[in-house]
Structure formats: C-alpha cells, structure tokens
C-alpha cells in the first residue's frame, strides 16, 4: 500500500504536466481512462503476481494524481459563485468513489 500511495505524496512532481501539451479536459479524460484501465487490470491480475499488481496500482495512482491536478486546474476557471459548490461535489464524488471502490 505504501508503494501504491507514493504517487499521491509526490504528486507535486507530476502536477505541472497538465500545463503542457493538450487542453486540461483532454488530460482529465486521458488520466481517468488510464487510471481506470490500470485499476481494472490490477483487479483482473490480482492472483498473478504481487510485483505486477503493485506496479499496476502505482501507475494507476500516478494517473489519478494527474487527473486530480487537471480537475483542480479546471475548477479555477469557474466563476467564484459556483466554486464552493463545485468543490463540494468533487469531494463528495471522491469520497463516494473511494468508498465504493474500496
């Protein structure tokens, strides 16, 4: 678990990626897709090998960090009147997704 959560701790290294290349919404879609596919691959190969599972979870967590950075950057472009509500819904979705996924 420590290896799988390591990208969250060091996410400040991957966060600047969203300022490069494609639009932030493209980063959101790509990161969510990659994270989901890697997480699904980890679930499907859970009994194959521990190093493979650890690698898949590490990469999925890295992609999830990029997703979070891109989503946060998009939220800064919203009008100030809806930022609080939007942040609340994002946190509720993260909490709900974490509870269901866990």
Protein backbone atom coordinates (compact mmCIF):
# COMPACT_ATOMS: atom_id res chain seq x y z
CA UNK A 1 0.00 0.00 0.00
CA UNK A 2 2.88 2.36 0.69
CA UNK A 3 4.14 1.97 -2.88
CA UNK A 4 0.64 2.40 -4.32
CA UNK A 5 0.08 5.65 -2.40
CA UNK A 6 3.54 7.05 -3.05
CA UNK A 7 2.41 9.00 -6.18
CA UNK A 8 -0.10 10.89 -4.04
CA UNK A 9 2.68 12.06 -1.76
CA UNK A 10 4.91 13.13 -4.65
CA UNK A 11 2.09 14.46 -6.87
CA UNK A 12 3.67 17.91 -6.94
CA UNK A 13 6.17 16.42 -9.41
CA UNK A 14 3.50 15.25 -11.87
CA UNK A 15 1.09 18.17 -11.42
CA UNK A 16 2.95 20.52 -13.82
CA UNK A 17 2.22 18.05 -16.64
CA UNK A 18 -1.29 19.46 -17.02
CA UNK A 19 0.18 22.82 -18.06
CA UNK A 20 1.95 21.19 -21.00
CA UNK A 21 0.60 19.91 -24.29
CA UNK A 22 -3.11 19.26 -24.66
CA UNK A 23 -6.02 21.03 -23.00
CA UNK A 24 -6.84 20.27 -19.39
CA UNK A 25 -10.07 18.49 -20.29
CA UNK A 26 -8.01 16.17 -22.50
CA UNK A 27 -5.71 15.48 -19.54
CA UNK A 28 -8.78 14.73 -17.41
CA UNK A 29 -10.17 12.24 -19.91
CA UNK A 30 -6.83 10.55 -20.58
CA UNK A 31 -5.84 10.31 -16.92
CA UNK A 32 -9.25 8.97 -15.88
CA UNK A 33 -9.21 6.40 -18.68
CA UNK A 34 -5.65 5.28 -17.98
CA UNK A 35 -6.23 5.13 -14.23
CA UNK A 36 -9.41 3.11 -14.68
CA UNK A 37 -7.82 0.68 -17.12
CA UNK A 38 -4.80 0.13 -14.89
CA UNK A 39 -7.00 -0.37 -11.83
CA UNK A 40 -9.15 -2.87 -13.74
CA UNK A 41 -6.03 -4.68 -14.93
CA UNK A 42 -4.85 -4.83 -11.32
CA UNK A 43 -8.14 -6.35 -10.23
CA UNK A 44 -8.07 -8.90 -13.05
CA UNK A 45 -4.47 -9.93 -12.34
CA UNK A 46 -4.69 -9.89 -8.55
CA UNK A 47 -3.68 -13.54 -8.26
CA UNK A 48 -0.96 -13.49 -10.94
CA UNK A 49 1.93 -11.76 -9.21
CA UNK A 50 2.42 -9.30 -6.40
CA UNK A 51 5.06 -7.18 -8.21
CA UNK A 52 2.73 -6.85 -11.23
CA UNK A 53 -0.18 -5.83 -9.01
CA UNK A 54 1.99 -3.32 -7.15
CA UNK A 55 3.21 -1.82 -10.44
CA UNK A 56 -0.32 -1.50 -11.80
CA UNK A 57 -1.56 0.16 -8.62
CA UNK A 58 1.42 2.54 -8.61
CA UNK A 59 0.78 3.57 -12.21
CA UNK A 60 -2.95 3.89 -11.60
CA UNK A 61 -2.30 6.14 -8.62
CA UNK A 62 0.08 8.25 -10.71
CA UNK A 63 -2.58 8.71 -13.41
CA UNK A 64 -5.13 9.53 -10.72
CA UNK A 65 -2.84 12.27 -9.41
CA UNK A 66 -2.58 13.80 -12.87
CA UNK A 67 -6.39 13.65 -13.09
CA UNK A 68 -6.71 15.49 -9.77
CA UNK A 69 -4.29 18.20 -10.85
CA UNK A 70 -6.13 18.73 -14.13
CA UNK A 71 -9.55 18.79 -12.45
CA UNK A 72 -8.31 21.29 -9.88
CA UNK A 73 -6.92 23.50 -12.62
CA UNK A 74 -10.24 23.43 -14.49
CA UNK A 75 -12.12 24.41 -11.33
CA UNK A 76 -10.08 27.61 -11.07
CA UNK A 77 -11.64 28.79 -14.33
CA UNK A 78 -15.17 28.66 -12.89
CA UNK A 79 -16.95 31.76 -11.63
CA UNK A 80 -16.36 32.45 -7.93
CA UNK A 81 -20.08 31.99 -7.18
CA UNK A 82 -20.01 28.26 -8.04
CA UNK A 83 -16.51 27.24 -6.93
CA UNK A 84 -17.56 26.22 -3.42
CA UNK A 85 -20.45 24.12 -4.68
CA UNK A 86 -18.26 22.54 -7.35
CA UNK A 87 -15.54 21.74 -4.82
CA UNK A 88 -18.14 20.14 -2.56
CA UNK A 89 -19.41 17.91 -5.37
CA UNK A 90 -15.86 16.93 -6.33
CA UNK A 91 -15.07 15.98 -2.74
CA UNK A 92 -18.35 14.07 -2.42
CA UNK A 93 -17.54 12.20 -5.63
CA UNK A 94 -14.03 11.40 -4.44
CA UNK A 95 -15.30 10.18 -1.09
CA UNK A 96 -18.12 8.16 -2.68
CA UNK A 97 -15.83 6.67 -5.31
CA UNK A 98 -13.24 5.80 -2.69
CA UNK A 99 -15.87 4.14 -0.50
CA UNK A 100 -17.36 2.16 -3.39
CA UNK A 101 -14.00 1.28 -4.89
CA UNK A 102 -12.52 0.31 -1.54
